[in-house]
Amino acid sequence: MRRPALWLLLVPVVLYGLAPFVANSVEPRVLGVPFLLAWVIGATLVSPLVIWLVARLDPAYRAGAAEPLAVDDAGDPGTSASDGPEAPGAAAGGTR
């Protein structure tokens, strides 16, 4: 499945990555804060909006496809973490 909307996730990366080169100045001041700080605040406000937009445009999201999770490959659902091997030293009865 082609997912071209995921390319939009580069927008926050580019905004933060270009900050030292494009916005590395104190003047002009935006709402009383230095321009670099205003740039970073703007990038911080834009990033979640871009991520939300990508989620809405992604066909996998719209189709309701399940996301693969590492826990899905963990094994038999009838076992729990306590069924595994004991910690080293626990079998020898060594507690401190």
N, C-alpha and C. Protein backbone atom coordinates (compact mmCIF):
# COMPACT_ATOMS: atom_id res chain seq x y z
N MET A 1 0.84 -1.16 0.00
CA MET A 1 0.00 0.00 0.00
C MET A 1 0.90 1.24 0.00
N ARG A 2 0.65 2.15 -0.91
CA ARG A 2 1.42 3.39 -1.00
C ARG A 2 0.86 4.38 0.02
N ARG A 3 1.76 5.04 0.71
CA ARG A 3 1.37 5.98 1.76
C ARG A 3 2.14 7.29 1.61
N PRO A 4 1.85 8.05 0.54
CA PRO A 4 2.63 9.28 0.30
C PRO A 4 2.44 10.35 1.37
N ALA A 5 1.37 10.30 2.11
CA ALA A 5 1.14 11.31 3.15
C ALA A 5 2.20 11.26 4.23
N LEU A 6 2.87 10.11 4.37
CA LEU A 6 3.89 10.00 5.41
C LEU A 6 5.08 10.92 5.15
N TRP A 7 5.26 11.36 3.90
CA TRP A 7 6.33 12.30 3.59
C TRP A 7 6.13 13.63 4.31
N LEU A 8 4.90 13.95 4.65
CA LEU A 8 4.64 15.20 5.38
C LEU A 8 5.26 15.20 6.78
N LEU A 9 5.61 14.02 7.28
CA LEU A 9 6.24 13.95 8.59
C LEU A 9 7.64 14.56 8.59
N LEU A 10 8.16 14.85 7.41
CA LEU A 10 9.46 15.52 7.33
C LEU A 10 9.34 17.02 7.63
N VAL A 11 8.14 17.57 7.59
CA VAL A 11 7.96 19.01 7.84
C VAL A 11 8.48 19.40 9.23
N PRO A 12 8.09 18.72 10.33
CA PRO A 12 8.65 19.10 11.63
C PRO A 12 10.17 18.93 11.70
N VAL A 13 10.68 17.89 11.09
CA VAL A 13 12.13 17.66 11.09
C VAL A 13 12.84 18.82 10.41
N VAL A 14 12.32 19.23 9.27
CA VAL A 14 12.94 20.34 8.53
C VAL A 14 12.81 21.64 9.32
N LEU A 15 11.66 21.87 9.94
CA LEU A 15 11.49 23.10 10.72
C LEU A 15 12.50 23.19 11.86
N TYR A 16 12.67 22.10 12.59
CA TYR A 16 13.64 22.11 13.69
C TYR A 16 15.07 22.11 13.16
N GLY A 17 15.31 21.39 12.09
CA GLY A 17 16.67 21.31 11.53
C GLY A 17 17.15 22.61 10.93
N LEU A 18 16.26 23.38 10.36
CA LEU A 18 16.66 24.65 9.74
C LEU A 18 16.75 25.80 10.74
N ALA A 19 16.25 25.61 11.94
CA ALA A 19 16.20 26.69 12.92
C ALA A 19 17.55 27.36 13.14
N PRO A 20 18.65 26.63 13.36
CA PRO A 20 19.92 27.33 13.61
C PRO A 20 20.42 28.12 12.39
N PHE A 21 20.02 27.71 11.22
CA PHE A 21 20.53 28.35 10.01
C PHE A 21 19.64 29.51 9.55
N VAL A 22 18.34 29.37 9.69
CA VAL A 22 17.40 30.38 9.19
C VAL A 22 17.03 31.38 10.28
N ALA A 23 16.86 30.92 11.48
CA ALA A 23 16.30 31.77 12.53
C ALA A 23 17.29 32.11 13.63
N ASN A 24 18.58 32.01 13.37
CA ASN A 24 19.58 32.23 14.40
C ASN A 24 19.87 33.72 14.56
N SER A 25 18.89 34.43 15.09
CA SER A 25 19.08 35.85 15.37
C SER A 25 18.12 36.27 16.48
N VAL A 26 18.52 37.33 17.17
CA VAL A 26 17.68 37.84 18.24
C VAL A 26 16.60 38.75 17.64
N GLU A 27 17.01 39.55 16.68
CA GLU A 27 16.08 40.47 16.02
C GLU A 27 15.60 39.87 14.72
N PRO A 28 14.41 40.02 14.29
CA PRO A 28 13.34 40.78 14.92
C PRO A 28 12.74 39.99 16.07
N ARG A 29 12.15 40.70 16.97
CA ARG A 29 11.46 40.05 18.08
C ARG A 29 10.01 39.81 17.69
N VAL A 30 9.50 38.65 18.06
CA VAL A 30 8.11 38.29 17.76
C VAL A 30 7.38 38.15 19.10
N LEU A 31 6.43 39.02 19.32
CA LEU A 31 5.68 39.05 20.58
C LEU A 31 6.62 39.16 21.79
N GLY A 32 7.72 39.86 21.62
CA GLY A 32 8.66 40.10 22.71
C GLY A 32 9.70 39.03 22.93
N VAL A 33 9.68 37.95 22.17
CA VAL A 33 10.69 36.90 22.34
C VAL A 33 11.63 36.91 21.13
N PRO A 34 12.88 36.47 21.32
CA PRO A 34 13.80 36.43 20.20
C PRO A 34 13.28 35.54 19.07
N PHE A 35 13.72 35.86 17.86
CA PHE A 35 13.19 35.18 16.68
C PHE A 35 13.42 33.67 16.73
N LEU A 36 14.60 33.23 17.20
CA LEU A 36 14.88 31.79 17.28
C LEU A 36 13.88 31.11 18.21
N LEU A 37 13.61 31.70 19.34
CA LEU A 37 12.64 31.11 20.27
C LEU A 37 11.24 31.09 19.66
N ALA A 38 10.88 32.16 18.97
CA ALA A 38 9.58 32.19 18.30
C ALA A 38 9.50 31.11 17.23
N TRP A 39 10.60 30.88 16.51
CA TRP A 39 10.65 29.82 15.48
C TRP A 39 10.41 28.45 16.11
N VAL A 40 11.10 28.18 17.23
CA VAL A 40 10.97 26.87 17.89
C VAL A 40 9.56 26.70 18.46
N ILE A 41 9.00 27.76 19.02
CA ILE A 41 7.63 27.68 19.52
C ILE A 41 6.67 27.41 18.37
N GLY A 42 6.88 28.11 17.25
CA GLY A 42 6.04 27.89 16.07
C GLY A 42 6.15 26.47 15.54
N ALA A 43 7.38 25.94 15.49
CA ALA A 43 7.58 24.56 15.03
C ALA A 43 6.91 23.57 15.99
N THR A 44 6.95 23.88 17.28
CA THR A 44 6.32 23.01 18.27
C THR A 44 4.80 23.02 18.13
N LEU A 45 4.24 24.16 17.76
CA LEU A 45 2.79 24.23 17.55
C LEU A 45 2.37 23.60 16.22
N VAL A 46 3.21 23.69 15.21
CA VAL A 46 2.89 23.13 13.89
C VAL A 46 3.03 21.61 13.86
N SER A 47 4.00 21.08 14.59
CA SER A 47 4.29 19.63 14.54
C SER A 47 3.09 18.74 14.85
N PRO A 48 2.35 18.95 15.95
CA PRO A 48 1.20 18.08 16.19
C PRO A 48 0.11 18.22 15.14
N LEU A 49 -0.02 19.42 14.58
CA LEU A 49 -1.01 19.60 13.52
C LEU A 49 -0.63 18.80 12.27
N VAL A 50 0.65 18.79 11.94
CA VAL A 50 1.11 18.01 10.79
C VAL A 50 0.92 16.52 11.05
N ILE A 51 1.24 16.08 12.26
CA ILE A 51 1.08 14.66 12.59
C ILE A 51 -0.40 14.26 12.53
N TRP A 52 -1.28 15.12 13.02
CA TRP A 52 -2.72 14.86 12.94
C TRP A 52 -3.17 14.79 11.49
N LEU A 53 -2.69 15.72 10.66
CA LEU A 53 -3.05 15.73 9.25
C LEU A 53 -2.58 14.47 8.54
N VAL A 54 -1.36 14.03 8.84
CA VAL A 54 -0.83 12.80 8.23
C VAL A 54 -1.68 11.61 8.63
N ALA A 55 -2.09 11.56 9.89
CA ALA A 55 -2.93 10.44 10.34
C ALA A 55 -4.25 10.43 9.59
N ARG A 56 -4.83 11.60 9.36
CA ARG A 56 -6.11 11.68 8.65
C ARG A 56 -5.96 11.34 7.17
N LEU A 57 -4.82 11.67 6.56
CA LEU A 57 -4.61 11.41 5.14
C LEU A 57 -4.12 10.00 4.85
N ASP A 58 -3.62 9.32 5.87
CA ASP A 58 -3.05 7.98 5.67
C ASP A 58 -4.15 6.97 5.38
N PRO A 59 -4.05 6.24 4.26
CA PRO A 59 -5.10 5.27 3.93
C PRO A 59 -5.21 4.14 4.95
N ALA A 60 -4.11 3.75 5.58
CA ALA A 60 -4.16 2.69 6.58
C ALA A 60 -4.97 3.15 7.79
N TYR A 61 -4.85 4.41 8.16
CA TYR A 61 -5.62 4.94 9.28
C TYR A 61 -7.10 5.00 8.93
N ARG A 62 -7.38 5.47 7.73
CA ARG A 62 -8.78 5.59 7.31
C ARG A 62 -9.45 4.23 7.16
N ALA A 63 -8.67 3.20 6.78
CA ALA A 63 -9.23 1.87 6.61
C ALA A 63 -9.41 1.14 7.94
N GLY A 64 -8.87 1.72 9.01
CA GLY A 64 -8.99 1.09 10.33
C GLY A 64 -8.08 -0.11 10.48
N ALA A 65 -6.99 -0.14 9.72
CA ALA A 65 -6.06 -1.26 9.80
C ALA A 65 -5.39 -1.29 11.18
N ALA A 66 -5.18 -2.49 11.67
CA ALA A 66 -4.53 -2.66 12.96
C ALA A 66 -3.05 -2.35 12.82
N GLU A 67 -2.51 -1.66 13.82
CA GLU A 67 -1.09 -1.35 13.79
C GLU A 67 -0.32 -2.54 14.35
N PRO A 68 0.78 -2.92 13.68
CA PRO A 68 1.59 -4.02 14.22
C PRO A 68 2.33 -3.56 15.47
N LEU A 69 2.21 -4.33 16.52
CA LEU A 69 2.88 -4.02 17.78
C LEU A 69 3.81 -5.15 18.14
N ALA A 70 4.89 -4.84 18.83
CA ALA A 70 5.85 -5.87 19.23
C ALA A 70 5.20 -6.90 20.14
N VAL A 71 4.23 -6.50 20.92
CA VAL A 71 3.57 -7.42 21.83
C VAL A 71 2.78 -8.49 21.06
N ASP A 72 2.41 -8.17 19.81
CA ASP A 72 1.69 -9.16 19.00
C ASP A 72 2.55 -10.38 18.69
N ASP A 73 3.86 -10.19 18.66
CA ASP A 73 4.77 -11.29 18.34
C ASP A 73 5.37 -11.92 19.60
N ALA A 74 4.85 -11.59 20.77
CA ALA A 74 5.44 -12.04 22.03
C ALA A 74 5.27 -13.54 22.25
N GLY A 75 4.31 -14.16 21.64
CA GLY A 75 4.15 -15.58 21.84
C GLY A 75 2.74 -15.95 22.27
N ASP A 76 2.65 -17.04 23.00
CA ASP A 76 1.37 -17.59 23.43
C ASP A 76 0.67 -16.63 24.40
N PRO A 77 -0.57 -16.26 24.13
CA PRO A 77 -1.26 -15.33 25.03
C PRO A 77 -1.58 -15.94 26.39
N GLY A 78 -1.46 -17.25 26.53
CA GLY A 78 -1.76 -17.90 27.80
C GLY A 78 -0.63 -17.83 28.79
N THR A 79 0.54 -17.38 28.37
CA THR A 79 1.68 -17.29 29.28
C THR A 79 1.83 -15.86 29.76
N SER A 80 2.44 -15.71 30.90
CA SER A 80 2.70 -14.36 31.41
C SER A 80 4.18 -14.22 31.67
N ALA A 81 4.59 -13.03 32.01
CA ALA A 81 6.01 -12.77 32.26
C ALA A 81 6.52 -13.57 33.45
N SER A 82 5.66 -13.89 34.42
CA SER A 82 6.11 -14.63 35.59
C SER A 82 6.34 -16.11 35.29
N ASP A 83 5.87 -16.59 34.13
CA ASP A 83 6.09 -17.98 33.77
C ASP A 83 7.49 -18.22 33.21
N GLY A 84 8.22 -17.16 32.93
CA GLY A 84 9.54 -17.27 32.30
C GLY A 84 10.60 -17.71 33.28
N PRO A 85 11.85 -17.76 32.81
CA PRO A 85 12.95 -18.16 33.70
C PRO A 85 13.15 -17.11 34.79
N GLU A 86 13.62 -17.60 35.92
CA GLU A 86 13.82 -16.70 37.05
C GLU A 86 15.08 -15.87 36.84
N ALA A 87 15.19 -14.79 37.58
CA ALA A 87 16.36 -13.92 37.50
C ALA A 87 17.58 -14.67 38.02
N PRO A 88 18.77 -14.35 37.52
CA PRO A 88 19.99 -14.98 38.00
C PRO A 88 20.15 -14.74 39.50
N GLY A 89 20.50 -15.76 40.22
CA GLY A 89 20.68 -15.66 41.67
C GLY A 89 19.42 -15.99 42.44
N ALA A 90 18.27 -15.92 41.78
CA ALA A 90 17.02 -16.22 42.48
C ALA A 90 16.90 -17.70 42.76
N ALA A 91 17.43 -18.53 41.85
CA ALA A 91 17.34 -19.98 42.05
C ALA A 91 18.22 -20.41 43.21
N ALA A 92 19.30 -19.70 43.47
CA ALA A 92 20.20 -20.05 44.55
C ALA A 92 19.68 -19.54 45.89
N GLY A 93 18.58 -18.83 45.86
CA GLY A 93 18.02 -18.34 47.10
C GLY A 93 18.76 -17.12 47.63
N GLY A 94 19.56 -16.53 46.79
CA GLY A 94 20.36 -15.40 47.24
C GLY A 94 19.60 -14.10 47.20
N THR A 95 19.22 -13.62 48.37
CA THR A 95 18.60 -12.30 48.45
C THR A 95 19.49 -11.45 49.34
N ARG A 96 19.42 -10.18 49.14
CA ARG A 96 20.30 -9.30 49.92
C ARG A 96 19.53 -8.58 50.98
